[in-house]
């Protein structure tokens, strides 16, 4: 493989790692908010990011202050 291909692979790999970390951090933030406002939610949904959980949250969002 030419030298520039390895450089592109390094860039792609680094970008992927950054995106995976951003996704992980966003999930932690979402779980933190859910724990704060709905501490019992995890008893109902083991995975708060499941399709059913997301539909429930979209149809019944947080109360407006």
N, C-alpha and C. Protein backbone atom coordinates (compact mmCIF):
# COMPACT_ATOMS: atom_id res chain seq x y z
N UNK A 1 0.84 -1.18 0.00
CA UNK A 1 0.00 0.00 0.00
C UNK A 1 0.88 1.25 0.00
N UNK A 2 0.49 2.22 -0.74
CA UNK A 2 1.25 3.47 -0.74
C UNK A 2 1.17 4.16 0.63
N UNK A 3 2.14 4.99 0.90
CA UNK A 3 2.25 5.70 2.19
C UNK A 3 1.00 6.52 2.51
N UNK A 4 0.40 7.19 1.52
CA UNK A 4 -0.76 8.05 1.78
C UNK A 4 -1.99 7.24 2.22
N UNK A 5 -2.08 5.99 1.82
CA UNK A 5 -3.19 5.13 2.25
C UNK A 5 -3.11 4.90 3.75
N UNK A 6 -1.91 4.67 4.28
CA UNK A 6 -1.75 4.47 5.72
C UNK A 6 -2.14 5.73 6.49
N UNK A 7 -1.80 6.86 5.96
CA UNK A 7 -2.19 8.13 6.59
C UNK A 7 -3.70 8.28 6.62
N UNK A 8 -4.36 7.94 5.52
CA UNK A 8 -5.82 8.02 5.47
C UNK A 8 -6.45 7.04 6.46
N UNK A 9 -5.88 5.84 6.56
CA UNK A 9 -6.39 4.86 7.52
C UNK A 9 -6.24 5.36 8.95
N UNK A 10 -5.12 6.02 9.26
CA UNK A 10 -4.93 6.58 10.60
C UNK A 10 -5.97 7.65 10.89
N UNK A 11 -6.24 8.51 9.91
CA UNK A 11 -7.24 9.57 10.09
C UNK A 11 -8.62 8.96 10.29
N UNK A 12 -8.97 7.99 9.49
CA UNK A 12 -10.27 7.34 9.61
C UNK A 12 -10.41 6.65 10.97
N UNK A 13 -9.36 5.96 11.39
CA UNK A 13 -9.38 5.27 12.68
C UNK A 13 -9.54 6.26 13.82
N UNK A 14 -8.79 7.35 13.78
CA UNK A 14 -8.88 8.38 14.83
C UNK A 14 -10.27 9.00 14.85
N UNK A 15 -10.81 9.30 13.69
CA UNK A 15 -12.15 9.89 13.60
C UNK A 15 -13.19 8.93 14.17
N UNK A 16 -13.07 7.66 13.84
CA UNK A 16 -14.02 6.67 14.37
C UNK A 16 -13.94 6.61 15.89
N UNK A 17 -12.73 6.58 16.43
CA UNK A 17 -12.56 6.53 17.88
C UNK A 17 -13.19 7.75 18.55
N UNK A 18 -13.03 8.91 17.95
CA UNK A 18 -13.62 10.13 18.49
C UNK A 18 -15.15 10.06 18.46
N UNK A 19 -15.71 9.56 17.36
CA UNK A 19 -17.16 9.44 17.26
C UNK A 19 -17.72 8.43 18.26
N UNK A 20 -17.02 7.32 18.44
CA UNK A 20 -17.45 6.31 19.42
C UNK A 20 -17.44 6.92 20.82
N UNK A 21 -16.41 7.68 21.15
CA UNK A 21 -16.34 8.31 22.46
C UNK A 21 -17.44 9.36 22.64
N UNK A 22 -17.73 10.14 21.61
CA UNK A 22 -18.80 11.14 21.69
C UNK A 22 -20.15 10.45 21.90
N UNK A 23 -20.37 9.36 21.20
CA UNK A 23 -21.62 8.61 21.34
C UNK A 23 -21.75 8.06 22.76
N UNK A 24 -20.66 7.50 23.27
CA UNK A 24 -20.65 6.94 24.62
C UNK A 24 -20.95 8.04 25.65
N UNK A 25 -20.31 9.20 25.49
CA UNK A 25 -20.54 10.31 26.42
C UNK A 25 -21.98 10.81 26.34
N UNK A 26 -22.54 10.87 25.15
CA UNK A 26 -23.93 11.30 24.99
C UNK A 26 -24.88 10.31 25.67
N UNK A 27 -24.59 9.03 25.56
CA UNK A 27 -25.42 8.03 26.23
C UNK A 27 -25.33 8.18 27.74
N UNK A 28 -24.13 8.40 28.27
CA UNK A 28 -23.97 8.60 29.71
C UNK A 28 -24.73 9.83 30.18
N UNK A 29 -24.70 10.88 29.40
CA UNK A 29 -25.43 12.09 29.77
C UNK A 29 -26.94 11.82 29.76
N UNK A 30 -27.41 11.10 28.76
CA UNK A 30 -28.83 10.74 28.70
C UNK A 30 -29.25 9.89 29.88
N UNK A 31 -28.43 8.91 30.24
CA UNK A 31 -28.73 8.06 31.38
C UNK A 31 -28.72 8.87 32.68
N UNK A 32 -27.82 9.81 32.77
CA UNK A 32 -27.73 10.67 33.96
C UNK A 32 -29.00 11.51 34.12
N UNK A 33 -29.48 12.08 33.03
CA UNK A 33 -30.71 12.89 33.07
C UNK A 33 -31.89 12.00 33.45
N UNK A 34 -31.98 10.82 32.85
CA UNK A 34 -33.08 9.92 33.16
C UNK A 34 -33.04 9.48 34.62
N UNK A 35 -31.86 9.22 35.16
CA UNK A 35 -31.73 8.83 36.56
C UNK A 35 -32.17 9.96 37.49
N UNK A 36 -31.89 11.18 37.09
CA UNK A 36 -32.26 12.33 37.91
C UNK A 36 -33.77 12.55 37.93
N UNK A 37 -34.41 12.50 36.76
CA UNK A 37 -35.84 12.81 36.65
C UNK A 37 -36.75 11.60 36.83
N UNK A 38 -36.29 10.44 36.40
CA UNK A 38 -37.09 9.21 36.49
C UNK A 38 -36.23 8.08 37.03
N UNK A 39 -35.92 8.09 38.33
CA UNK A 39 -35.02 7.06 38.88
C UNK A 39 -35.57 5.64 38.73
N UNK A 40 -36.89 5.48 38.63
CA UNK A 40 -37.49 4.15 38.52
C UNK A 40 -37.56 3.65 37.07
N UNK A 41 -37.16 4.47 36.12
CA UNK A 41 -37.30 4.14 34.70
C UNK A 41 -36.54 2.87 34.31
N UNK A 42 -35.38 2.67 34.91
CA UNK A 42 -34.57 1.49 34.56
C UNK A 42 -35.22 0.19 35.02
N UNK A 43 -36.15 0.29 35.98
CA UNK A 43 -36.89 -0.91 36.40
C UNK A 43 -37.85 -1.36 35.30
N UNK A 44 -38.32 -0.41 34.51
CA UNK A 44 -39.26 -0.71 33.43
C UNK A 44 -38.50 -1.09 32.16
N UNK A 45 -37.51 -0.29 31.81
CA UNK A 45 -36.71 -0.52 30.61
C UNK A 45 -35.25 -0.75 31.00
N UNK A 46 -34.77 -1.93 30.76
CA UNK A 46 -33.36 -2.23 31.05
C UNK A 46 -32.45 -1.39 30.16
N UNK A 47 -32.86 -1.21 28.89
CA UNK A 47 -32.11 -0.39 27.95
C UNK A 47 -32.95 0.84 27.65
N UNK A 48 -32.57 1.99 28.21
CA UNK A 48 -33.38 3.19 28.02
C UNK A 48 -33.31 3.72 26.60
N UNK A 49 -32.44 3.17 25.79
CA UNK A 49 -32.31 3.59 24.39
C UNK A 49 -33.00 2.62 23.44
N UNK A 50 -33.81 1.70 23.98
CA UNK A 50 -34.53 0.76 23.13
C UNK A 50 -35.63 1.49 22.36
N UNK A 51 -36.14 0.83 21.34
CA UNK A 51 -37.16 1.44 20.48
C UNK A 51 -38.41 1.83 21.28
N UNK A 52 -38.87 0.92 22.14
CA UNK A 52 -40.06 1.20 22.94
C UNK A 52 -39.85 2.35 23.91
N UNK A 53 -38.69 2.40 24.52
CA UNK A 53 -38.37 3.48 25.46
C UNK A 53 -38.34 4.83 24.75
N UNK A 54 -37.73 4.87 23.60
CA UNK A 54 -37.64 6.13 22.84
C UNK A 54 -39.04 6.57 22.41
N UNK A 55 -39.89 5.63 21.97
CA UNK A 55 -41.26 5.99 21.58
C UNK A 55 -42.03 6.55 22.76
N UNK A 56 -41.88 5.93 23.93
CA UNK A 56 -42.55 6.42 25.13
C UNK A 56 -42.11 7.84 25.46
N UNK A 57 -40.83 8.09 25.42
CA UNK A 57 -40.31 9.42 25.74
C UNK A 57 -40.73 10.46 24.71
N UNK A 58 -40.88 10.05 23.46
CA UNK A 58 -41.33 11.00 22.43
C UNK A 58 -42.80 11.35 22.60
N UNK A 59 -43.61 10.38 23.01
CA UNK A 59 -45.04 10.66 23.16
C UNK A 59 -45.38 11.29 24.51
N UNK A 60 -44.53 11.08 25.52
CA UNK A 60 -44.75 11.65 26.85
C UNK A 60 -43.46 12.32 27.34
N UNK A 61 -43.12 13.47 26.79
CA UNK A 61 -41.86 14.12 27.16
C UNK A 61 -41.90 14.71 28.58
N UNK A 62 -40.79 15.28 28.99
CA UNK A 62 -40.69 15.93 30.30
C UNK A 62 -41.72 17.05 30.41
N UNK A 63 -42.12 17.34 31.63
CA UNK A 63 -43.01 18.47 31.85
C UNK A 63 -42.25 19.75 31.63
N UNK A 64 -42.96 20.76 31.11
CA UNK A 64 -42.33 22.05 30.91
C UNK A 64 -42.44 22.85 32.19
N UNK A 65 -41.37 23.55 32.53
CA UNK A 65 -41.35 24.34 33.76
C UNK A 65 -41.97 25.68 33.57
